[in-house]
Amino acid sequence: MLRHVIAPERFFTQVSNEIIRHPRLSANAVRLLIWQLSLPASVDAPLCEAGKAAGITKGAFTRAKRELKAEGYVHEWRLQVERGKWRTTQLVSPVVLTDTEAVAVRDGFPQVTPTAPKPATGEPTDRSIGRHPTNTEGKKDNPPSQPSQPSQPSHVPTPLIERGGLILASLSHQEHRLRFTGRDIQQLAALAGEWLLRGATAKDLREALTDGLPDRIHSPAALAHNRLTRKMPEPPPFTAPTPAPQPLRTCTGTCDRVFRPVADETKCRDCRQDDAQASYTQNLSRSNGQDPRQARWA
């Protein structure tokens, strides 16, 4: 079996081999999951539209969706909103999530902040009295101090950052002492992705963040950032890339063969051996039948 694989430079989706080779997912279920994961984040399309775009029939779509929900790749909730209407929320994940982890991920997404209601009467007016305090020391501007944001690694691939965020969200839901907000998860996801990039597993991340926790934690995000930075595993050893093979070349000797050179040789191995034998025979005849290697020390 010959395989010619070329990694795409753009417009690709990283999918684990566990999904492609899943023993219990049908071909339609795998196609539906990969199709949904390949959509940009700006596209808010339900699974049924992805099934239509992927060419999956209605009956096959129902069976594929049931398989994905049973394996933990798809989670779905129906909630009743105002005026008695119902809203369906779907969560699609490239990794298997339990119901608890899925709820944590759902609740970890940023919610839309409601806008302030407009006053019933009148419009806002300027302040009639009072002013901002002035600086008495030379009237220098004193801008408010901004909280320093922890530096985040920028070389971590986006899929690993998303997976690190999922692990932190599930951990936040399981451990009551590590309750992270959606903003905390966004700030810590890159560090968790750096762990995964260096070969750590989800179990390693959970153990590093939960081992030896104090009874009371004032700032879970600060504690997690400190542990993720301080216990960061060493990067894997660097391995030099294998040099590309030399292109095929036509032998300049008498055989006209096509061969692959090791360095910059222009003749194949047989022609080089023939040239060496001819050179040895010529030197032997010049030394009156005596071996040139023995004549050298005579």
Protein backbone atom coordinates (compact mmCIF):
# COMPACT_ATOMS: atom_id res chain seq x y z
CA MET A 1 0.00 0.00 0.00
CA LEU A 2 1.50 3.31 -1.11
CA ARG A 3 0.38 6.57 0.46
CA HIS A 4 1.23 10.07 -0.75
CA VAL A 5 0.26 12.54 1.99
CA ILE A 6 0.73 16.31 1.70
CA ALA A 7 -0.23 18.48 4.67
CA PRO A 8 -2.48 21.40 3.64
CA GLU A 9 -1.19 24.90 4.24
CA ARG A 10 -4.59 26.45 5.07
CA PHE A 11 -8.32 25.75 5.34
CA PHE A 12 -7.94 22.47 7.25
CA THR A 13 -9.41 20.96 10.41
CA GLN A 14 -7.45 18.82 12.85
CA VAL A 15 -9.36 15.64 13.65
CA SER A 16 -8.07 12.91 15.94
CA ASN A 17 -7.68 9.35 14.70
CA GLU A 18 -10.08 8.26 17.44
CA ILE A 19 -12.92 9.89 15.50
CA ILE A 20 -11.88 8.64 12.08
CA ARG A 21 -11.36 5.05 13.30
CA HIS A 22 -14.18 4.98 15.86
CA PRO A 23 -15.55 1.43 16.00
CA ARG A 24 -19.13 2.45 16.88
CA LEU A 25 -19.65 5.52 14.68
CA SER A 26 -21.03 5.04 11.20
CA ALA A 27 -19.63 6.81 8.17
CA ASN A 28 -22.50 9.32 8.22
CA ALA A 29 -21.88 10.09 11.91
CA VAL A 30 -18.17 10.69 11.30
CA ARG A 31 -18.92 12.85 8.25
CA LEU A 32 -21.52 14.88 10.16
CA LEU A 33 -19.16 15.47 13.11
CA ILE A 34 -16.20 16.46 10.92
CA TRP A 35 -18.41 18.70 8.80
CA GLN A 36 -19.72 20.55 11.84
CA LEU A 37 -16.24 20.93 13.36
CA SER A 38 -14.89 22.36 10.09
CA LEU A 39 -17.32 25.29 10.10
CA PRO A 40 -15.89 28.69 11.14
CA ALA A 41 -16.69 29.96 14.60
CA SER A 42 -18.78 32.75 13.10
CA VAL A 43 -21.23 30.27 11.53
CA ASP A 44 -24.11 29.43 13.89
CA ALA A 45 -25.69 26.53 12.02
CA PRO A 46 -27.53 23.61 13.68
CA LEU A 47 -26.66 20.01 12.99
CA CYS A 48 -29.60 19.55 10.63
CA GLU A 49 -28.25 22.18 8.24
CA ALA A 50 -24.80 20.58 8.36
CA GLY A 51 -26.43 17.23 7.54
CA LYS A 52 -28.18 18.72 4.50
CA ALA A 53 -24.96 20.38 3.31
CA ALA A 54 -23.09 17.07 3.73
CA GLY A 55 -25.67 15.22 1.62
CA ILE A 56 -26.98 13.04 4.45
CA THR A 57 -30.58 11.94 4.15
CA LYS A 58 -33.12 12.57 6.90
CA GLY A 59 -33.20 9.00 8.23
CA ALA A 60 -29.41 8.64 8.12
CA PHE A 61 -29.05 12.03 9.85
CA THR A 62 -31.30 10.91 12.71
CA ARG A 63 -29.25 7.75 13.24
CA ALA A 64 -25.93 9.65 12.97
CA LYS A 65 -27.05 12.25 15.51
CA ARG A 66 -28.19 9.50 17.89
CA GLU A 67 -24.77 7.81 17.63
CA LEU A 68 -22.89 11.07 18.30
CA LYS A 69 -25.03 11.83 21.36
CA ALA A 70 -24.56 8.30 22.70
CA GLU A 71 -20.76 8.54 22.39
CA GLY A 72 -20.54 12.01 23.98
CA TYR A 73 -19.53 14.09 20.96
CA VAL A 74 -22.88 15.94 20.77
CA HIS A 75 -24.95 17.30 23.64
CA GLU A 76 -28.33 18.99 23.37
CA TRP A 77 -30.58 20.93 25.74
CA ARG A 78 -34.09 22.34 25.31
CA LEU A 79 -34.94 25.34 27.47
CA GLN A 80 -38.14 27.33 27.68
CA VAL A 81 -37.62 31.06 27.27
CA GLU A 82 -39.91 34.04 27.52
CA ARG A 83 -43.44 33.91 26.05
CA GLY A 84 -43.48 30.12 26.30
CA LYS A 85 -41.10 29.58 23.42
CA TRP A 86 -38.54 26.78 23.40
CA ARG A 87 -34.88 27.13 22.47
CA THR A 88 -32.51 24.27 21.61
CA THR A 89 -28.81 24.58 22.44
CA GLN A 90 -26.39 22.16 20.79
CA LEU A 91 -22.77 21.53 21.76
CA VAL A 92 -20.37 19.73 19.40
CA SER A 93 -16.95 18.73 20.71
CA PRO A 94 -13.91 17.02 19.11
CA VAL A 95 -13.43 15.07 22.36
CA VAL A 96 -15.81 12.93 24.38
CA LEU A 97 -17.53 14.92 27.16
CA THR A 98 -19.66 13.66 29.99
CA ASP A 99 -22.95 15.39 30.79
CA THR A 100 -21.27 17.23 33.66
CA GLU A 101 -18.37 18.40 31.51
CA ALA A 102 -20.73 19.47 28.74
CA VAL A 103 -22.77 21.59 31.16
CA ALA A 104 -19.56 23.18 32.43
CA VAL A 105 -18.49 24.03 28.90
CA ARG A 106 -21.93 25.43 28.09
CA ASP A 107 -21.94 27.61 31.19
CA GLY A 108 -18.36 28.72 30.54
CA PHE A 109 -19.22 30.47 27.27
CA PRO A 110 -19.55 34.28 27.64
CA GLN A 111 -23.16 35.40 27.98
CA VAL A 112 -24.58 38.52 26.40
CA THR A 113 -24.81 41.29 28.97
CA PRO A 114 -28.24 42.91 28.92
CA THR A 115 -28.26 46.60 28.14
CA ALA A 116 -29.48 49.13 30.66
CA PRO A 117 -33.17 50.02 30.18
CA LYS A 118 -34.00 53.46 28.93
CA PRO A 119 -35.52 55.78 31.59
CA ALA A 120 -39.30 56.05 31.47
CA THR A 121 -39.25 59.85 31.35
CA GLY A 122 -36.61 62.44 30.65
CA GLU A 123 -33.12 62.11 29.17
CA PRO A 124 -29.76 61.90 30.98
CA THR A 125 -28.26 65.31 31.74
CA ASP A 126 -24.82 66.56 32.74
CA ARG A 127 -23.84 66.79 36.38
CA SER A 128 -24.82 70.15 37.83
CA ILE A 129 -22.32 70.17 40.69
CA GLY A 130 -19.08 68.48 41.56
CA ARG A 131 -15.94 67.84 39.56
CA HIS A 132 -13.11 65.35 39.34
CA PRO A 133 -10.36 65.88 41.90
CA THR A 134 -7.22 67.50 40.50
CA ASN A 135 -3.65 66.41 41.11
CA THR A 136 -1.95 68.82 43.49
CA GLU A 137 1.58 67.70 42.53
CA GLY A 138 2.25 69.67 39.37
CA LYS A 139 -1.14 68.73 37.91
CA LYS A 140 0.24 65.56 36.35
CA ASP A 141 -2.17 63.16 34.79
CA ASN A 142 -2.83 60.10 36.87
CA PRO A 143 -4.38 57.45 34.62
CA PRO A 144 -6.04 54.58 36.42
CA SER A 145 -3.81 51.58 36.82
CA GLN A 146 -4.64 48.66 34.56
CA PRO A 147 -4.39 45.14 35.91
CA SER A 148 -1.49 43.35 34.31
CA GLN A 149 -2.57 40.44 32.17
CA PRO A 150 -0.45 37.28 32.38
CA SER A 151 1.57 36.60 29.28
CA GLN A 152 0.10 33.86 27.12
CA PRO A 153 2.05 31.65 24.71
CA SER A 154 1.25 32.64 21.14
CA HIS A 155 2.68 29.59 19.34
CA VAL A 156 0.11 27.09 20.63
CA PRO A 157 -2.26 25.83 17.90
CA THR A 158 -5.88 26.88 18.28
CA PRO A 159 -7.25 23.28 18.61
CA LEU A 160 -4.98 22.67 21.61
CA ILE A 161 -6.08 25.95 23.21
CA GLU A 162 -9.72 24.95 22.76
CA ARG A 163 -9.07 21.51 24.25
CA GLY A 164 -7.21 23.07 27.19
CA GLY A 165 -10.21 25.34 27.79
CA LEU A 166 -12.54 22.32 27.81
CA ILE A 167 -10.37 20.57 30.40
CA LEU A 168 -10.34 23.67 32.62
CA ALA A 169 -14.10 24.09 32.28
CA SER A 170 -14.76 20.47 33.28
CA LEU A 171 -12.33 20.77 36.20
CA SER A 172 -14.05 23.97 37.33
CA HIS A 173 -17.35 22.14 37.47
CA GLN A 174 -15.98 19.12 39.36
CA GLU A 175 -13.77 20.88 41.95
CA HIS A 176 -15.72 23.49 43.95
CA ARG A 177 -12.48 25.16 45.10
CA LEU A 178 -11.46 25.89 41.49
CA ARG A 179 -14.47 27.73 40.15
CA PHE A 180 -13.24 29.60 37.06
CA THR A 181 -15.24 32.24 35.25
CA GLY A 182 -15.48 32.30 31.47
CA ARG A 183 -12.83 35.04 31.39
CA ASP A 184 -10.51 32.97 33.60
CA ILE A 185 -10.79 30.01 31.24
CA GLN A 186 -10.02 32.19 28.22
CA GLN A 187 -6.89 33.53 29.93
CA LEU A 188 -5.66 30.11 31.11
CA ALA A 189 -6.56 28.06 28.02
CA ALA A 190 -3.32 28.93 26.20
CA LEU A 191 -1.20 27.74 29.14
CA ALA A 192 -3.18 24.50 29.29
CA GLY A 193 -2.70 24.13 25.54
CA GLU A 194 1.06 24.55 26.03
CA TRP A 195 0.97 21.56 28.40
CA LEU A 196 -0.79 19.48 25.74
CA LEU A 197 1.70 20.67 23.12
CA ARG A 198 4.54 19.36 25.29
CA GLY A 199 2.98 15.91 25.55
CA ALA A 200 0.95 16.19 28.76
CA THR A 201 -2.44 14.51 29.06
CA ALA A 202 -5.71 15.74 30.50
CA LYS A 203 -5.01 13.63 33.59
CA ASP A 204 -1.63 15.38 34.05
CA LEU A 205 -3.35 18.76 33.92
CA ARG A 206 -5.99 17.80 36.46
CA GLU A 207 -3.44 16.33 38.87
CA ALA A 208 -1.19 19.41 38.61
CA LEU A 209 -4.09 21.72 39.45
CA THR A 210 -5.81 19.66 42.17
CA ASP A 211 -3.01 17.95 44.13
CA GLY A 212 -2.55 19.45 47.59
CA LEU A 213 -5.16 22.19 47.29
CA PRO A 214 -5.70 24.29 50.44
CA ASP A 215 -9.11 24.29 52.07
CA ARG A 216 -9.76 27.90 51.10
CA ILE A 217 -8.64 29.54 47.87
CA HIS A 218 -9.04 33.29 47.46
CA SER A 219 -8.18 33.45 43.75
CA PRO A 220 -8.58 30.17 41.81
CA ALA A 221 -7.37 31.75 38.55
CA ALA A 222 -4.15 33.06 40.14
CA LEU A 223 -3.45 29.69 41.76
CA ALA A 224 -4.04 27.85 38.47
CA HIS A 225 -1.82 30.29 36.55
CA ASN A 226 0.96 29.84 39.10
CA ARG A 227 0.79 26.06 38.97
CA LEU A 228 0.52 25.87 35.18
CA THR A 229 3.58 28.11 34.85
CA ARG A 230 5.68 26.62 37.67
CA LYS A 231 4.98 22.96 36.87
CA MET A 232 5.21 23.33 33.10
CA PRO A 233 6.75 20.10 31.70
CA GLU A 234 9.95 20.26 29.72
CA PRO A 235 9.55 20.54 25.95
CA PRO A 236 10.20 17.36 23.98
CA PRO A 237 13.78 16.92 22.73
CA PHE A 238 14.50 18.47 19.37
CA THR A 239 15.01 16.06 16.53
CA ALA A 240 16.69 17.30 13.40
CA PRO A 241 14.47 16.97 10.33
CA THR A 242 15.43 14.24 7.90
CA PRO A 243 17.09 15.78 4.84
CA ALA A 244 15.15 15.45 1.63
CA PRO A 245 16.50 12.81 -0.80
CA GLN A 246 18.49 13.96 -3.80
CA PRO A 247 16.59 14.09 -7.09
CA LEU A 248 17.13 11.32 -9.62
CA ARG A 249 20.04 11.83 -12.00
CA THR A 250 21.20 10.18 -15.25
CA CYS A 251 24.58 8.50 -14.99
CA THR A 252 27.30 10.22 -17.05
CA GLY A 253 29.18 6.93 -17.49
CA THR A 254 28.62 4.28 -20.15
CA CYS A 255 25.42 2.73 -18.73
CA ASP A 256 23.04 5.76 -18.99
CA ARG A 257 21.17 4.56 -15.90
CA VAL A 258 18.98 6.72 -13.73
CA PHE A 259 20.12 6.67 -10.09
CA ARG A 260 19.66 8.67 -6.90
CA PRO A 261 22.97 10.21 -5.73
CA VAL A 262 23.95 10.38 -2.08
CA ALA A 263 25.91 13.63 -2.44
CA ASP A 264 27.15 15.24 -5.67
CA GLU A 265 28.35 12.16 -7.56
CA THR A 266 27.54 12.10 -11.27
CA LYS A 267 28.06 8.35 -11.93
CA CYS A 268 26.28 5.33 -10.56
CA ARG A 269 27.97 2.84 -8.25
CA ASP A 270 28.80 0.29 -10.99
CA CYS A 271 30.42 2.91 -13.20
CA ARG A 272 32.47 4.23 -10.30
CA GLN A 273 33.65 0.69 -9.51
CA ASP A 274 34.57 0.13 -13.18
CA ASP A 275 36.55 3.40 -13.22
CA ALA A 276 38.38 2.40 -10.05
CA GLN A 277 39.22 -1.04 -11.48
CA ALA A 278 40.46 0.50 -14.72
CA SER A 279 42.62 2.98 -12.83
CA TYR A 280 44.10 0.15 -10.72
CA THR A 281 44.88 -1.95 -13.82
CA GLN A 282 46.56 1.02 -15.50
CA ASN A 283 48.77 1.69 -12.50
CA LEU A 284 49.62 -2.03 -12.32
CA SER A 285 50.83 -2.04 -15.93
CA ARG A 286 52.97 1.03 -15.32
CA SER A 287 54.71 -0.69 -12.37
CA ASN A 288 55.75 -3.71 -14.55
CA GLY A 289 53.22 -6.13 -13.06
CA GLN A 290 53.96 -5.27 -9.45
CA ASP A 291 51.12 -4.33 -7.18
CA PRO A 292 51.13 -0.49 -6.97
CA ARG A 293 50.40 -0.68 -3.24
CA GLN A 294 53.55 -2.79 -2.72
CA ALA A 295 55.64 -0.73 -5.14
CA ARG A 296 54.90 2.32 -3.05
CA TRP A 297 56.91 0.89 -0.11
CA ALA A 298 59.66 -0.70 -2.22
